[in-house]
Amino acid sequence: MRFRFIYRDVFTALFGILLFSLGSHPICLSQEEPDASIVSTLTILIQDTSPDASMLQKLAQRLILPKIGGPFLLDDLQQSIDALKKSGLFRKIHVSDPVETDGKINLVFELTPFSLIKKICIDGEFPMLEQDILREIDRRVGDPFDPKTTTEMEKNIIRYLLKEGYIDPKVSLVSQKDEKDGRIALTVSIQKGPFYRIRRVALQENRSGFDFEFLTRLKTWQASRLFWDMARFA
């Protein structure tokens, strides 16, 4: 019987301490964050009247994360803008401030695209291969064209020609926009000029009979693509 009283007294004391601690410290109940706003409308405006506008709109729609009926998150919006920039298709990207009404968001993307390349003409590349020049400008038909990259492409071609043994090559790249379809025609004009020539190759301390075999392995011996011409020093 005495044990029961002691047990009851201890329990009462502990319960009193618990009530005191709860009374001396306010209880903070965390509330869940309100649900994110819903994307009500998503408008993608392509500031271009060319036939490519519809295709560019579909491509942009794939890169934009917020969808109609889905939640609006600022992280998704920023990732969408970054993806549009990395695509290299648009020279100007503008997103109007989202307008919220009764928990619904209206999103508007205004995109100004680069013009697409419709053809590339290369004049004066022979005996260089056309694919070698295209590799240096790193552009193909259907790619977007940024006029700011013209000087860089010219320098890349000149650097390639210098490596091939030409002394002072001249390169000019001209872009012309077709007003009918809004696409770009690129013309690359190359004036290679003179190149370093190999008149004689002398080998010393080489075993007799192996001179010709060794020469055929030299890069400079194989540099000329014209069988009647002398090899360039590359």
Foldseek 3Di string as FASTA:
>chain_A
DVVVVVVVVVVVVVVVVVVVVPVVDDDDDDDDDDFAFFAAEEAEAEPDDFPCSVVVSVVLVVLQDHDHGDGDDPVSRVSSVVSVVVVQFFPDWDWPDWDDDPRYTYTYIYTYGAAFAQEEAEAPCPPPDPVVLCVQLVDDGGHGDDPVCQVVSQVSVQVVLVVLFQDGKGKHWDWDADPRRRHIYIYIYIDRHDGAFDDDDDDPPDDPPCVVVVLVPDPQCVSDPDPVDTGGDD
